[in-house]
Amino acid sequence: MVFNHQRDLLDIVGDFMQFFVDESCGICVPCRAGNVMLRQKVGRVAAGRAVRSDLDDMVVWGGIVAHTSRCGWVPPHPIRS
């Protein structure tokens, strides 16, 4: 994918996280619930309503999802990178 300066990075991350929410198989709780919570946190950041604990939560929850999901498809990459 190629993006130029006209795209908002937070919108892109939000779109990716929404994709992972929509496409999760739903078998494991970390993916099923964690991605929804991460998408909500990205929304708070994009809206300018996030506080420091939201950012901290995203780092922690992203790690939990990455290390405990059943498949190798680790969804929180857009947040963790």
N, C-alpha and C. Protein backbone atom coordinates (compact mmCIF):
# COMPACT_ATOMS: atom_id res chain seq x y z
N MET A 1 0.84 -1.17 0.00
CA MET A 1 0.00 0.00 0.00
C MET A 1 0.89 1.24 0.00
N VAL A 2 0.42 2.21 -0.70
CA VAL A 2 1.15 3.47 -0.77
C VAL A 2 0.20 4.58 -0.36
N PHE A 3 0.66 5.44 0.54
CA PHE A 3 -0.15 6.56 1.00
C PHE A 3 0.65 7.84 0.81
N ASN A 4 -0.04 8.91 0.53
CA ASN A 4 0.64 10.19 0.41
C ASN A 4 0.34 11.06 1.64
N HIS A 5 0.80 12.29 1.59
CA HIS A 5 0.67 13.19 2.73
C HIS A 5 -0.78 13.60 3.00
N GLN A 6 -1.68 13.30 2.09
CA GLN A 6 -3.08 13.69 2.28
C GLN A 6 -3.86 12.71 3.16
N ARG A 7 -3.32 11.54 3.38
CA ARG A 7 -4.01 10.55 4.23
C ARG A 7 -3.65 10.76 5.68
N ASP A 8 -4.62 10.63 6.54
CA ASP A 8 -4.42 10.75 7.99
C ASP A 8 -4.01 9.37 8.52
N LEU A 9 -2.85 9.32 9.14
CA LEU A 9 -2.33 8.04 9.64
C LEU A 9 -3.28 7.39 10.64
N LEU A 10 -3.92 8.16 11.49
CA LEU A 10 -4.85 7.58 12.46
C LEU A 10 -6.09 7.00 11.78
N ASP A 11 -6.52 7.61 10.69
CA ASP A 11 -7.64 7.03 9.93
C ASP A 11 -7.24 5.68 9.34
N ILE A 12 -6.01 5.61 8.85
CA ILE A 12 -5.52 4.36 8.27
C ILE A 12 -5.46 3.27 9.33
N VAL A 13 -4.90 3.60 10.49
CA VAL A 13 -4.81 2.63 11.60
C VAL A 13 -6.22 2.21 12.02
N GLY A 14 -7.13 3.17 12.12
CA GLY A 14 -8.51 2.84 12.47
C GLY A 14 -9.17 1.92 11.47
N ASP A 15 -8.91 2.16 10.18
CA ASP A 15 -9.46 1.29 9.14
C ASP A 15 -8.90 -0.12 9.24
N PHE A 16 -7.59 -0.23 9.48
CA PHE A 16 -6.99 -1.55 9.64
C PHE A 16 -7.57 -2.26 10.86
N MET A 17 -7.71 -1.55 11.97
CA MET A 17 -8.25 -2.19 13.17
C MET A 17 -9.70 -2.61 12.97
N GLN A 18 -10.48 -1.80 12.24
CA GLN A 18 -11.86 -2.19 11.96
C GLN A 18 -11.89 -3.45 11.11
N PHE A 19 -10.97 -3.56 10.16
CA PHE A 19 -10.86 -4.77 9.35
C PHE A 19 -10.62 -5.98 10.25
N PHE A 20 -9.71 -5.86 11.22
CA PHE A 20 -9.41 -6.99 12.10
C PHE A 20 -10.60 -7.33 12.99
N VAL A 21 -11.34 -6.32 13.42
CA VAL A 21 -12.56 -6.57 14.20
C VAL A 21 -13.57 -7.34 13.35
N ASP A 22 -13.76 -6.88 12.13
CA ASP A 22 -14.74 -7.50 11.24
C ASP A 22 -14.35 -8.92 10.82
N GLU A 23 -13.06 -9.15 10.64
CA GLU A 23 -12.60 -10.43 10.09
C GLU A 23 -12.13 -11.44 11.13
N SER A 24 -12.17 -11.08 12.40
CA SER A 24 -11.77 -12.03 13.44
C SER A 24 -12.67 -13.25 13.39
N CYS A 25 -12.07 -14.43 13.54
CA CYS A 25 -12.87 -15.64 13.52
C CYS A 25 -13.72 -15.77 14.79
N GLY A 26 -13.30 -15.09 15.85
CA GLY A 26 -14.07 -15.08 17.09
C GLY A 26 -13.80 -16.24 18.02
N ILE A 27 -12.84 -17.10 17.67
CA ILE A 27 -12.57 -18.26 18.50
C ILE A 27 -11.87 -17.87 19.80
N CYS A 28 -10.86 -17.02 19.72
CA CYS A 28 -10.13 -16.69 20.95
C CYS A 28 -10.53 -15.31 21.47
N VAL A 29 -10.67 -15.22 22.77
CA VAL A 29 -11.10 -13.99 23.42
C VAL A 29 -10.13 -12.83 23.18
N PRO A 30 -8.82 -13.04 23.24
CA PRO A 30 -7.94 -11.89 23.02
C PRO A 30 -8.21 -11.18 21.69
N CYS A 31 -8.41 -11.92 20.65
CA CYS A 31 -8.70 -11.32 19.35
C CYS A 31 -10.11 -10.74 19.33
N ARG A 32 -11.06 -11.53 19.74
CA ARG A 32 -12.47 -11.13 19.65
C ARG A 32 -12.75 -9.88 20.47
N ALA A 33 -12.32 -9.84 21.70
CA ALA A 33 -12.60 -8.68 22.57
C ALA A 33 -11.49 -7.63 22.48
N GLY A 34 -10.26 -8.09 22.40
CA GLY A 34 -9.13 -7.15 22.41
C GLY A 34 -9.13 -6.22 21.22
N ASN A 35 -9.45 -6.74 20.05
CA ASN A 35 -9.45 -5.88 18.87
C ASN A 35 -10.56 -4.83 18.91
N VAL A 36 -11.69 -5.19 19.49
CA VAL A 36 -12.77 -4.22 19.64
C VAL A 36 -12.31 -3.09 20.57
N MET A 37 -11.71 -3.46 21.69
CA MET A 37 -11.24 -2.44 22.63
C MET A 37 -10.13 -1.60 22.02
N LEU A 38 -9.23 -2.22 21.28
CA LEU A 38 -8.16 -1.47 20.62
C LEU A 38 -8.73 -0.51 19.58
N ARG A 39 -9.73 -0.95 18.83
CA ARG A 39 -10.36 -0.07 17.83
C ARG A 39 -11.01 1.13 18.52
N GLN A 40 -11.62 0.90 19.67
CA GLN A 40 -12.23 2.01 20.41
C GLN A 40 -11.17 3.00 20.89
N LYS A 41 -10.04 2.48 21.32
CA LYS A 41 -8.95 3.36 21.77
C LYS A 41 -8.40 4.18 20.61
N VAL A 42 -8.25 3.57 19.44
CA VAL A 42 -7.79 4.30 18.27
C VAL A 42 -8.79 5.41 17.93
N GLY A 43 -10.07 5.11 18.06
CA GLY A 43 -11.10 6.13 17.83
C GLY A 43 -10.97 7.30 18.78
N ARG A 44 -10.66 7.02 20.04
CA ARG A 44 -10.47 8.09 21.02
C ARG A 44 -9.26 8.96 20.65
N VAL A 45 -8.18 8.31 20.23
CA VAL A 45 -6.99 9.06 19.82
C VAL A 45 -7.31 9.93 18.61
N ALA A 46 -7.97 9.35 17.61
CA ALA A 46 -8.29 10.08 16.39
C ALA A 46 -9.21 11.26 16.66
N ALA A 47 -10.10 11.12 17.65
CA ALA A 47 -11.04 12.19 17.99
C ALA A 47 -10.42 13.23 18.92
N GLY A 48 -9.20 12.97 19.37
CA GLY A 48 -8.54 13.91 20.28
C GLY A 48 -9.02 13.82 21.71
N ARG A 49 -9.65 12.71 22.07
CA ARG A 49 -10.19 12.52 23.42
C ARG A 49 -9.37 11.55 24.27
N ALA A 50 -8.28 11.07 23.74
CA ALA A 50 -7.48 10.07 24.46
C ALA A 50 -6.68 10.74 25.58
N VAL A 51 -6.45 9.97 26.61
CA VAL A 51 -5.56 10.38 27.70
C VAL A 51 -4.39 9.41 27.73
N ARG A 52 -3.39 9.71 28.52
CA ARG A 52 -2.18 8.89 28.55
C ARG A 52 -2.49 7.42 28.81
N SER A 53 -3.44 7.15 29.68
CA SER A 53 -3.76 5.75 30.00
C SER A 53 -4.32 5.01 28.78
N ASP A 54 -4.99 5.72 27.87
CA ASP A 54 -5.47 5.08 26.65
C ASP A 54 -4.30 4.58 25.81
N LEU A 55 -3.27 5.41 25.69
CA LEU A 55 -2.08 5.01 24.93
C LEU A 55 -1.36 3.86 25.61
N ASP A 56 -1.25 3.93 26.93
CA ASP A 56 -0.63 2.83 27.67
C ASP A 56 -1.41 1.54 27.50
N ASP A 57 -2.75 1.64 27.57
CA ASP A 57 -3.61 0.46 27.38
C ASP A 57 -3.40 -0.15 26.00
N MET A 58 -3.27 0.69 24.98
CA MET A 58 -3.08 0.18 23.63
C MET A 58 -1.79 -0.62 23.51
N VAL A 59 -0.75 -0.17 24.16
CA VAL A 59 0.52 -0.91 24.13
C VAL A 59 0.37 -2.25 24.84
N VAL A 60 -0.22 -2.23 26.03
CA VAL A 60 -0.39 -3.45 26.81
C VAL A 60 -1.34 -4.42 26.11
N TRP A 61 -2.51 -3.94 25.71
CA TRP A 61 -3.50 -4.81 25.09
C TRP A 61 -2.99 -5.34 23.75
N GLY A 62 -2.27 -4.49 23.01
CA GLY A 62 -1.70 -4.96 21.74
C GLY A 62 -0.75 -6.13 21.96
N GLY A 63 0.05 -6.04 23.03
CA GLY A 63 0.96 -7.14 23.36
C GLY A 63 0.21 -8.39 23.77
N ILE A 64 -0.85 -8.22 24.53
CA ILE A 64 -1.65 -9.37 24.95
C ILE A 64 -2.26 -10.07 23.74
N VAL A 65 -2.85 -9.31 22.85
CA VAL A 65 -3.45 -9.90 21.66
C VAL A 65 -2.38 -10.60 20.81
N ALA A 66 -1.25 -9.94 20.65
CA ALA A 66 -0.17 -10.50 19.83
C ALA A 66 0.37 -11.81 20.39
N HIS A 67 0.45 -11.90 21.70
CA HIS A 67 1.08 -13.08 22.31
C HIS A 67 0.11 -14.19 22.69
N THR A 68 -1.19 -13.90 22.68
CA THR A 68 -2.14 -14.92 23.14
C THR A 68 -3.18 -15.33 22.10
N SER A 69 -3.17 -14.70 20.94
CA SER A 69 -4.14 -15.12 19.91
C SER A 69 -3.74 -16.50 19.39
N ARG A 70 -4.71 -17.26 18.98
CA ARG A 70 -4.47 -18.65 18.57
C ARG A 70 -3.78 -18.76 17.23
N CYS A 71 -4.04 -17.83 16.34
CA CYS A 71 -3.49 -17.94 14.99
C CYS A 71 -2.23 -17.09 14.84
N GLY A 72 -1.59 -17.20 13.72
CA GLY A 72 -0.41 -16.41 13.45
C GLY A 72 -0.75 -15.04 12.88
N TRP A 73 -2.02 -14.80 12.69
CA TRP A 73 -2.47 -13.53 12.13
C TRP A 73 -2.61 -12.56 13.29
N VAL A 74 -1.58 -11.81 13.55
CA VAL A 74 -1.52 -10.97 14.75
C VAL A 74 -2.06 -9.58 14.43
N PRO A 75 -3.30 -9.32 14.75
CA PRO A 75 -3.98 -8.10 14.37
C PRO A 75 -3.41 -6.76 14.85
N PRO A 76 -2.85 -6.61 16.03
CA PRO A 76 -2.53 -5.25 16.45
C PRO A 76 -1.28 -4.64 15.83
N HIS A 77 -0.77 -5.21 14.75
CA HIS A 77 0.42 -4.63 14.11
C HIS A 77 0.26 -3.14 13.80
N PRO A 78 -0.89 -2.69 13.29
CA PRO A 78 -1.00 -1.27 12.99
C PRO A 78 -0.81 -0.37 14.22
N ILE A 79 -1.17 -0.87 15.37
CA ILE A 79 -1.02 -0.09 16.61
C ILE A 79 0.37 -0.20 17.16
N ARG A 80 0.94 -1.38 17.07
CA ARG A 80 2.24 -1.62 17.70
C ARG A 80 3.41 -1.11 16.88
N SER A 81 3.20 -0.75 15.64
CA SER A 81 4.32 -0.28 14.83
C SER A 81 4.37 1.23 14.72
